[in-house]
Amino acid sequence: MKNCLSFIVLLLPWAIKRPLLIRIWGYALHPTARIAFAWVFPESLTMEAHSRIGNLTICKGLHHLCLEDHASIGRANWITGFPRGPSRHFGHQPERSPGLHLERHAAITSRHIIDCTAQVTVGHHATVAGFRSQILTHSIDLENNRQSSSPVRIGAYSFVGTGCVVLGGSVLPDYAVLGAKSLLNKAHTESYRLYAGVPARDVKALPKWWGYFHRQEGFVY
């Protein structure tokens, strides 16, 4: 029944859809926020001023999705999680938080795959750029023969190039760049660095004066 109602709401214009999402689902949607033709029905949804979700994005299985002001998710992204609750899956991780949080002016562009079985956080003014990057927060723990998950953080003012893979437990520091086609598989700590390769390593320092690191507005024209 709930899926049928969701499908009906999906087809409605935003002026009608927004009040229904607030009244029936209890979502917190700022008057200037907008969801295009996209399947976005997490348990909890917060969209602050001027936040956006683009056409054909699918978001399912998440406990929470939060877009702070001017944050955006582009077209045709596949964002999934594994719901909380009693299950043999992830039973050893009762504090697991399946969700996605975009801080102010953060952006995920188009055609990415994001696994939010554990928390994924994209820091303010950061960009998951290009196409077809993957963020994977869960995998099989071969040693203990069970599913396990770890959160991912993309730091403030950082930049993820096209076609990257980011694994659970990884951190891209603030003011850092992950080069195209790289594999981030651990938590790095040094800012103003280029990380690149498979697996990604610290390649070189980046100038602190670069304009990208001083943007007041997230979107780059």
C-alpha atoms as a PDB file:
ATOM      1  CA  MET A   1       0.000   0.000   0.000  1.00  0.00           C
ATOM      2  CA  LYS A   2       2.790   2.410   0.952  1.00  0.00           C
ATOM      3  CA  ASN A   3       4.652   1.737  -2.307  1.00  0.00           C
ATOM      4  CA  CYS A   4       1.483   2.437  -4.295  1.00  0.00           C
ATOM      5  CA  LEU A   5       1.008   5.741  -2.487  1.00  0.00           C
ATOM      6  CA  SER A   6       4.671   6.605  -3.083  1.00  0.00           C
ATOM      7  CA  PHE A   7       4.258   5.936  -6.807  1.00  0.00           C
ATOM      8  CA  ILE A   8       1.214   8.200  -7.002  1.00  0.00           C
ATOM      9  CA  VAL A   9       3.029  10.984  -5.153  1.00  0.00           C
ATOM     10  CA  LEU A  10       6.043  10.545  -7.438  1.00  0.00           C
ATOM     11  CA  LEU A  11       3.942  11.546 -10.454  1.00  0.00           C
ATOM     12  CA  LEU A  12       2.512  14.716  -8.915  1.00  0.00           C
ATOM     13  CA  PRO A  13       3.845  18.221  -9.573  1.00  0.00           C
ATOM     14  CA  TRP A  14       6.108  19.558  -6.828  1.00  0.00           C
ATOM     15  CA  ALA A  15       3.573  22.140  -5.640  1.00  0.00           C
ATOM     16  CA  ILE A  16       1.255  19.269  -4.687  1.00  0.00           C
ATOM     17  CA  LYS A  17       3.917  16.696  -3.817  1.00  0.00           C
ATOM     18  CA  ARG A  18       5.724  18.808  -1.225  1.00  0.00           C
ATOM     19  CA  PRO A  19       2.712  19.292   1.122  1.00  0.00           C
ATOM     20  CA  LEU A  20       1.907  15.582   0.922  1.00  0.00           C
ATOM     21  CA  LEU A  21       5.483  14.577   1.755  1.00  0.00           C
ATOM     22  CA  ILE A  22       5.347  16.873   4.773  1.00  0.00           C
ATOM     23  CA  ARG A  23       1.890  15.803   5.951  1.00  0.00           C
ATOM     24  CA  ILE A  24       2.031  12.044   5.303  1.00  0.00           C
ATOM     25  CA  TRP A  25       5.742  11.227   5.621  1.00  0.00           C
ATOM     26  CA  GLY A  26       6.608  13.934   8.142  1.00  0.00           C
ATOM     27  CA  TYR A  27       9.518  15.243   6.066  1.00  0.00           C
ATOM     28  CA  ALA A  28      11.113  18.633   6.766  1.00  0.00           C
ATOM     29  CA  LEU A  29      11.206  20.403   3.389  1.00  0.00           C
ATOM     30  CA  HIS A  30      12.068  24.080   3.097  1.00  0.00           C
ATOM     31  CA  PRO A  31       9.779  26.034   0.719  1.00  0.00           C
ATOM     32  CA  THR A  32      12.732  26.630  -1.643  1.00  0.00           C
ATOM     33  CA  ALA A  33      13.899  22.974  -1.670  1.00  0.00           C
ATOM     34  CA  ARG A  34      12.927  20.798  -4.608  1.00  0.00           C
ATOM     35  CA  ILE A  35      12.838  17.135  -5.639  1.00  0.00           C
ATOM     36  CA  ALA A  36      12.473  16.454  -9.361  1.00  0.00           C
ATOM     37  CA  PHE A  37      11.116  13.201 -10.841  1.00  0.00           C
ATOM     38  CA  ALA A  38      12.997  10.964  -8.404  1.00  0.00           C
ATOM     39  CA  TRP A  39      12.205   8.060  -6.058  1.00  0.00           C
ATOM     40  CA  VAL A  40      13.266   9.512  -2.698  1.00  0.00           C
ATOM     41  CA  PHE A  41      11.471   8.004   0.308  1.00  0.00           C
ATOM     42  CA  PRO A  42      13.862   7.532   3.269  1.00  0.00           C
ATOM     43  CA  GLU A  43      12.456   7.172   6.769  1.00  0.00           C
ATOM     44  CA  SER A  44      13.581  10.716   7.561  1.00  0.00           C
ATOM     45  CA  LEU A  45      14.226  13.492   5.041  1.00  0.00           C
ATOM     46  CA  THR A  46      15.465  17.010   5.730  1.00  0.00           C
ATOM     47  CA  MET A  47      16.033  19.485   2.894  1.00  0.00           C
ATOM     48  CA  GLU A  48      17.122  22.981   3.826  1.00  0.00           C
ATOM     49  CA  ALA A  49      16.925  26.172   1.769  1.00  0.00           C
ATOM     50  CA  HIS A  50      17.662  25.874  -1.974  1.00  0.00           C
ATOM     51  CA  SER A  51      18.658  22.199  -1.767  1.00  0.00           C
ATOM     52  CA  ARG A  52      17.961  20.041  -4.832  1.00  0.00           C
ATOM     53  CA  ILE A  53      17.560  16.394  -5.914  1.00  0.00           C
ATOM     54  CA  GLY A  54      17.593  15.784  -9.672  1.00  0.00           C
ATOM     55  CA  ASN A  55      15.607  13.623 -12.081  1.00  0.00           C
ATOM     56  CA  LEU A  56      15.799   9.809 -12.041  1.00  0.00           C
ATOM     57  CA  THR A  57      17.717   9.570  -8.775  1.00  0.00           C
ATOM     58  CA  ILE A  58      16.677   6.583  -6.677  1.00  0.00           C
ATOM     59  CA  CYS A  59      17.091   6.605  -2.909  1.00  0.00           C
ATOM     60  CA  LYS A  60      15.884   3.595  -0.917  1.00  0.00           C
ATOM     61  CA  GLY A  61      16.649   1.722   2.285  1.00  0.00           C
ATOM     62  CA  LEU A  62      17.987   4.799   4.101  1.00  0.00           C
ATOM     63  CA  HIS A  63      17.072   5.728   7.628  1.00  0.00           C
ATOM     64  CA  HIS A  64      17.871   9.382   7.019  1.00  0.00           C
ATOM     65  CA  LEU A  65      18.779  11.741   4.204  1.00  0.00           C
ATOM     66  CA  CYS A  66      19.790  15.320   4.974  1.00  0.00           C
ATOM     67  CA  LEU A  67      20.673  18.097   2.540  1.00  0.00           C
ATOM     68  CA  GLU A  68      21.754  21.320   4.186  1.00  0.00           C
ATOM     69  CA  ASP A  69      21.264  24.667   2.472  1.00  0.00           C
ATOM     70  CA  HIS A  70      22.266  24.807  -1.216  1.00  0.00           C
ATOM     71  CA  ALA A  71      23.314  21.129  -1.198  1.00  0.00           C
ATOM     72  CA  SER A  72      22.461  19.140  -4.314  1.00  0.00           C
ATOM     73  CA  ILE A  73      22.191  15.613  -5.688  1.00  0.00           C
ATOM     74  CA  GLY A  74      22.151  15.471  -9.476  1.00  0.00           C
ATOM     75  CA  ARG A  75      20.505  13.194 -12.031  1.00  0.00           C
ATOM     76  CA  ALA A  76      20.334   9.391 -12.155  1.00  0.00           C
ATOM     77  CA  ASN A  77      22.140   8.560  -8.932  1.00  0.00           C
ATOM     78  CA  TRP A  78      21.551   5.208  -7.232  1.00  0.00           C
ATOM     79  CA  ILE A  79      21.612   5.661  -3.446  1.00  0.00           C
ATOM     80  CA  THR A  80      20.787   2.676  -1.252  1.00  0.00           C
ATOM     81  CA  GLY A  81      21.168   1.435   2.301  1.00  0.00           C
ATOM     82  CA  PHE A  82      20.260  -1.572   4.415  1.00  0.00           C
ATOM     83  CA  PRO A  83      17.444  -0.655   6.831  1.00  0.00           C
ATOM     84  CA  ARG A  84      17.949  -0.810  10.563  1.00  0.00           C
ATOM     85  CA  GLY A  85      16.054  -3.366  12.607  1.00  0.00           C
ATOM     86  CA  PRO A  86      16.247  -7.037  13.590  1.00  0.00           C
ATOM     87  CA  SER A  87      18.186  -8.963  10.978  1.00  0.00           C
ATOM     88  CA  ARG A  88      21.056 -11.430  10.751  1.00  0.00           C
ATOM     89  CA  HIS A  89      22.752  -8.881   8.528  1.00  0.00           C
ATOM     90  CA  PHE A  90      24.888  -6.408  10.512  1.00  0.00           C
ATOM     91  CA  GLY A  91      23.548  -7.811  13.784  1.00  0.00           C
ATOM     92  CA  HIS A  92      26.896  -7.092  15.454  1.00  0.00           C
ATOM     93  CA  GLN A  93      26.555  -3.377  14.588  1.00  0.00           C
ATOM     94  CA  PRO A  94      23.428  -2.194  16.455  1.00  0.00           C
ATOM     95  CA  GLU A  95      24.590   1.443  16.290  1.00  0.00           C
ATOM     96  CA  ARG A  96      24.903   1.383  12.491  1.00  0.00           C
ATOM     97  CA  SER A  97      23.433   4.516  10.888  1.00  0.00           C
ATOM     98  CA  PRO A  98      22.284   3.997   7.268  1.00  0.00           C
ATOM     99  CA  GLY A  99      22.120   7.516   5.927  1.00  0.00           C
ATOM    100  CA  LEU A 100      23.507  10.258   3.727  1.00  0.00           C
ATOM    101  CA  HIS A 101      24.309  13.774   4.926  1.00  0.00           C
ATOM    102  CA  LEU A 102      25.319  16.581   2.574  1.00  0.00           C
ATOM    103  CA  GLU A 103      26.530  19.644   4.406  1.00  0.00           C
ATOM    104  CA  ARG A 104      25.906  23.167   3.067  1.00  0.00           C
ATOM    105  CA  HIS A 105      26.837  23.751  -0.586  1.00  0.00           C
ATOM    106  CA  ALA A 106      27.974  20.112  -1.003  1.00  0.00           C
ATOM    107  CA  ALA A 107      27.211  18.374  -4.289  1.00  0.00           C
ATOM    108  CA  ILE A 108      26.929  14.899  -5.776  1.00  0.00           C
ATOM    109  CA  THR A 109      26.744  15.246  -9.547  1.00  0.00           C
ATOM    110  CA  SER A 110      25.243  12.561 -11.835  1.00  0.00           C
ATOM    111  CA  ARG A 111      25.215   8.788 -12.319  1.00  0.00           C
ATOM    112  CA  HIS A 112      27.024   7.746  -9.159  1.00  0.00           C
ATOM    113  CA  ILE A 113      26.375   4.657  -7.004  1.00  0.00           C
ATOM    114  CA  ILE A 114      26.367   5.334  -3.272  1.00  0.00           C
ATOM    115  CA  ASP A 115      25.939   2.604  -0.678  1.00  0.00           C
ATOM    116  CA  CYS A 116      24.790   4.130   2.602  1.00  0.00           C
ATOM    117  CA  THR A 117      24.578   0.943   4.666  1.00  0.00           C
ATOM    118  CA  ALA A 118      26.722   2.980   7.071  1.00  0.00           C
ATOM    119  CA  GLN A 119      26.751   6.774   7.255  1.00  0.00           C
ATOM    120  CA  VAL A 120      28.129   8.721   4.279  1.00  0.00           C
ATOM    121  CA  THR A 121      28.931  12.372   4.948  1.00  0.00           C
ATOM    122  CA  VAL A 122      29.904  14.901   2.278  1.00  0.00           C
ATOM    123  CA  GLY A 123      31.430  17.981   3.882  1.00  0.00           C
ATOM    124  CA  HIS A 124      30.459  21.549   3.108  1.00  0.00           C
ATOM    125  CA  HIS A 125      31.489  22.876  -0.307  1.00  0.00           C
ATOM    126  CA  ALA A 126      32.755  19.398  -1.316  1.00  0.00           C
ATOM    127  CA  THR A 127      31.975  17.847  -4.710  1.00  0.00           C
ATOM    128  CA  VAL A 128      31.605  14.231  -5.780  1.00  0.00           C
ATOM    129  CA  ALA A 129      32.210  15.161  -9.396  1.00  0.00           C
ATOM    130  CA  GLY A 130      32.123  13.615 -12.861  1.00  0.00           C
ATOM    131  CA  PHE A 131      30.294  10.315 -13.431  1.00  0.00           C
ATOM    132  CA  ARG A 132      30.168   6.729 -12.185  1.00  0.00           C
ATOM    133  CA  SER A 133      32.013   6.970  -8.884  1.00  0.00           C
ATOM    134  CA  GLN A 134      31.146   4.388  -6.223  1.00  0.00           C
ATOM    135  CA  ILE A 135      30.998   4.811  -2.459  1.00  0.00           C
ATOM    136  CA  LEU A 136      30.724   1.407  -0.766  1.00  0.00           C
ATOM    137  CA  THR A 137      30.256   1.320   3.001  1.00  0.00           C
ATOM    138  CA  HIS A 138      29.695  -2.416   3.404  1.00  0.00           C
ATOM    139  CA  SER A 139      31.357  -5.654   2.358  1.00  0.00           C
ATOM    140  CA  ILE A 140      31.882  -9.232   3.541  1.00  0.00           C
ATOM    141  CA  ASP A 141      34.248  -9.570   6.486  1.00  0.00           C
ATOM    142  CA  LEU A 142      36.092 -12.670   5.278  1.00  0.00           C
ATOM    143  CA  GLU A 143      37.830 -13.304   8.601  1.00  0.00           C
ATOM    144  CA  ASN A 144      34.586 -13.445  10.587  1.00  0.00           C
ATOM    145  CA  ASN A 145      32.306 -14.585   7.723  1.00  0.00           C
ATOM    146  CA  ARG A 146      29.725 -11.835   8.117  1.00  0.00           C
ATOM    147  CA  GLN A 147      28.504  -8.621   6.531  1.00  0.00           C
ATOM    148  CA  SER A 148      30.144  -5.556   8.032  1.00  0.00           C
ATOM    149  CA  SER A 149      29.964  -1.816   7.404  1.00  0.00           C
ATOM    150  CA  SER A 150      31.984   1.333   8.113  1.00  0.00           C
ATOM    151  CA  PRO A 151      31.160   4.998   7.509  1.00  0.00           C
ATOM    152  CA  VAL A 152      32.757   7.245   4.872  1.00  0.00           C
ATOM    153  CA  ARG A 153      33.549  10.949   5.075  1.00  0.00           C
ATOM    154  CA  ILE A 154      34.341  13.256   2.171  1.00  0.00           C
ATOM    155  CA  GLY A 155      35.910  16.344   3.737  1.00  0.00           C
ATOM    156  CA  ALA A 156      34.913  19.988   3.409  1.00  0.00           C
ATOM    157  CA  TYR A 157      36.048  21.729   0.206  1.00  0.00           C
ATOM    158  CA  SER A 158      37.345  18.402  -1.125  1.00  0.00           C
ATOM    159  CA  PHE A 159      36.924  17.118  -4.688  1.00  0.00           C
ATOM    160  CA  VAL A 160      36.339  13.537  -5.860  1.00  0.00           C
ATOM    161  CA  GLY A 161      37.247  13.047  -9.521  1.00  0.00           C
ATOM    162  CA  THR A 162      35.296  10.971 -12.025  1.00  0.00           C
ATOM    163  CA  GLY A 163      35.150   7.181 -11.806  1.00  0.00           C
ATOM    164  CA  CYS A 164      36.546   6.782  -8.272  1.00  0.00           C
ATOM    165  CA  VAL A 165      35.880   4.012  -5.750  1.00  0.00           C
ATOM    166  CA  VAL A 166      35.652   4.887  -2.049  1.00  0.00           C
ATOM    167  CA  LEU A 167      35.524   1.995   0.436  1.00  0.00           C
ATOM    168  CA  GLY A 168      34.062   1.801   3.936  1.00  0.00           C
ATOM    169  CA  GLY A 169      36.164   3.400   6.644  1.00  0.00           C
ATOM    170  CA  SER A 170      37.801   5.814   4.206  1.00  0.00           C
ATOM    171  CA  VAL A 171      38.233   9.536   4.769  1.00  0.00           C
ATOM    172  CA  LEU A 172      39.190  12.150   2.189  1.00  0.00           C
ATOM    173  CA  PRO A 173      40.457  15.064   4.288  1.00  0.00           C
ATOM    174  CA  ASP A 174      39.249  18.648   4.090  1.00  0.00           C
ATOM    175  CA  TYR A 175      40.719  20.651   1.190  1.00  0.00           C
ATOM    176  CA  ALA A 176      41.916  17.556  -0.654  1.00  0.00           C
ATOM    177  CA  VAL A 177      41.507  16.097  -4.144  1.00  0.00           C
ATOM    178  CA  LEU A 178      40.974  12.446  -5.076  1.00  0.00           C
ATOM    179  CA  GLY A 179      42.231  11.966  -8.619  1.00  0.00           C
ATOM    180  CA  ALA A 180      40.068  10.406 -11.333  1.00  0.00           C
ATOM    181  CA  LYS A 181      39.855   6.577 -11.349  1.00  0.00           C
ATOM    182  CA  SER A 182      41.422   6.311  -7.887  1.00  0.00           C
ATOM    183  CA  LEU A 183      40.647   3.839  -5.096  1.00  0.00           C
ATOM    184  CA  LEU A 184      40.343   5.366  -1.625  1.00  0.00           C
ATOM    185  CA  ASN A 185      40.620   2.529   0.889  1.00  0.00           C
ATOM    186  CA  LYS A 186      41.689   4.144   4.163  1.00  0.00           C
ATOM    187  CA  ALA A 187      41.406   7.275   6.258  1.00  0.00           C
ATOM    188  CA  HIS A 188      43.848   9.968   5.182  1.00  0.00           C
ATOM    189  CA  THR A 189      44.520  13.028   7.331  1.00  0.00           C
ATOM    190  CA  GLU A 190      46.573  15.662   5.471  1.00  0.00           C
ATOM    191  CA  SER A 191      44.726  18.580   3.868  1.00  0.00           C
ATOM    192  CA  TYR A 192      45.742  20.405   0.673  1.00  0.00           C
ATOM    193  CA  ARG A 193      47.003  17.196  -0.883  1.00  0.00           C
ATOM    194  CA  LEU A 194      46.308  15.279  -4.088  1.00  0.00           C
ATOM    195  CA  TYR A 195      45.554  11.605  -3.418  1.00  0.00           C
ATOM    196  CA  ALA A 196      45.585   9.374  -6.483  1.00  0.00           C
ATOM    197  CA  GLY A 197      46.179   5.844  -7.695  1.00  0.00           C
ATOM    198  CA  VAL A 198      45.059   2.303  -6.868  1.00  0.00           C
ATOM    199  CA  PRO A 199      45.142   2.373  -3.932  1.00  0.00           C
ATOM    200  CA  ALA A 200      45.220   6.145  -3.527  1.00  0.00           C
ATOM    201  CA  ARG A 201      48.389   7.595  -2.017  1.00  0.00           C
ATOM    202  CA  ASP A 202      49.572  11.072  -1.161  1.00  0.00           C
ATOM    203  CA  VAL A 203      50.962  12.341  -4.472  1.00  0.00           C
ATOM    204  CA  LYS A 204      51.724  16.029  -3.925  1.00  0.00           C
ATOM    205  CA  ALA A 205      50.843  19.232  -2.109  1.00  0.00           C
ATOM    206  CA  LEU A 206      48.171  21.563  -3.499  1.00  0.00           C
ATOM    207  CA  PRO A 207      48.341  25.369  -3.327  1.00  0.00           C
ATOM    208  CA  LYS A 208      46.195  26.756  -0.543  1.00  0.00           C
ATOM    209  CA  TRP A 209      45.323  29.803  -2.664  1.00  0.00           C
ATOM    210  CA  TRP A 210      43.388  27.816  -5.317  1.00  0.00           C
ATOM    211  CA  GLY A 211      39.992  29.405  -5.943  1.00  0.00           C
ATOM    212  CA  TYR A 212      38.079  26.148  -5.383  1.00  0.00           C
ATOM    213  CA  PHE A 213      39.234  26.114  -1.751  1.00  0.00           C
ATOM    214  CA  HIS A 214      37.826  29.593  -1.119  1.00  0.00           C
ATOM    215  CA  ARG A 215      34.381  29.374  -2.744  1.00  0.00           C
ATOM    216  CA  GLN A 216      31.465  30.996  -0.962  1.00  0.00           C
ATOM    217  CA  GLU A 217      29.007  29.332  -3.366  1.00  0.00           C
ATOM    218  CA  GLY A 218      29.214  25.596  -3.932  1.00  0.00           C
ATOM    219  CA  PHE A 219      28.180  25.480  -7.588  1.00  0.00           C
ATOM    220  CA  VAL A 220      31.029  26.107 -10.042  1.00  0.00           C
ATOM    221  CA  TYR A 221      29.933  27.900 -13.222  1.00  0.00           C
END
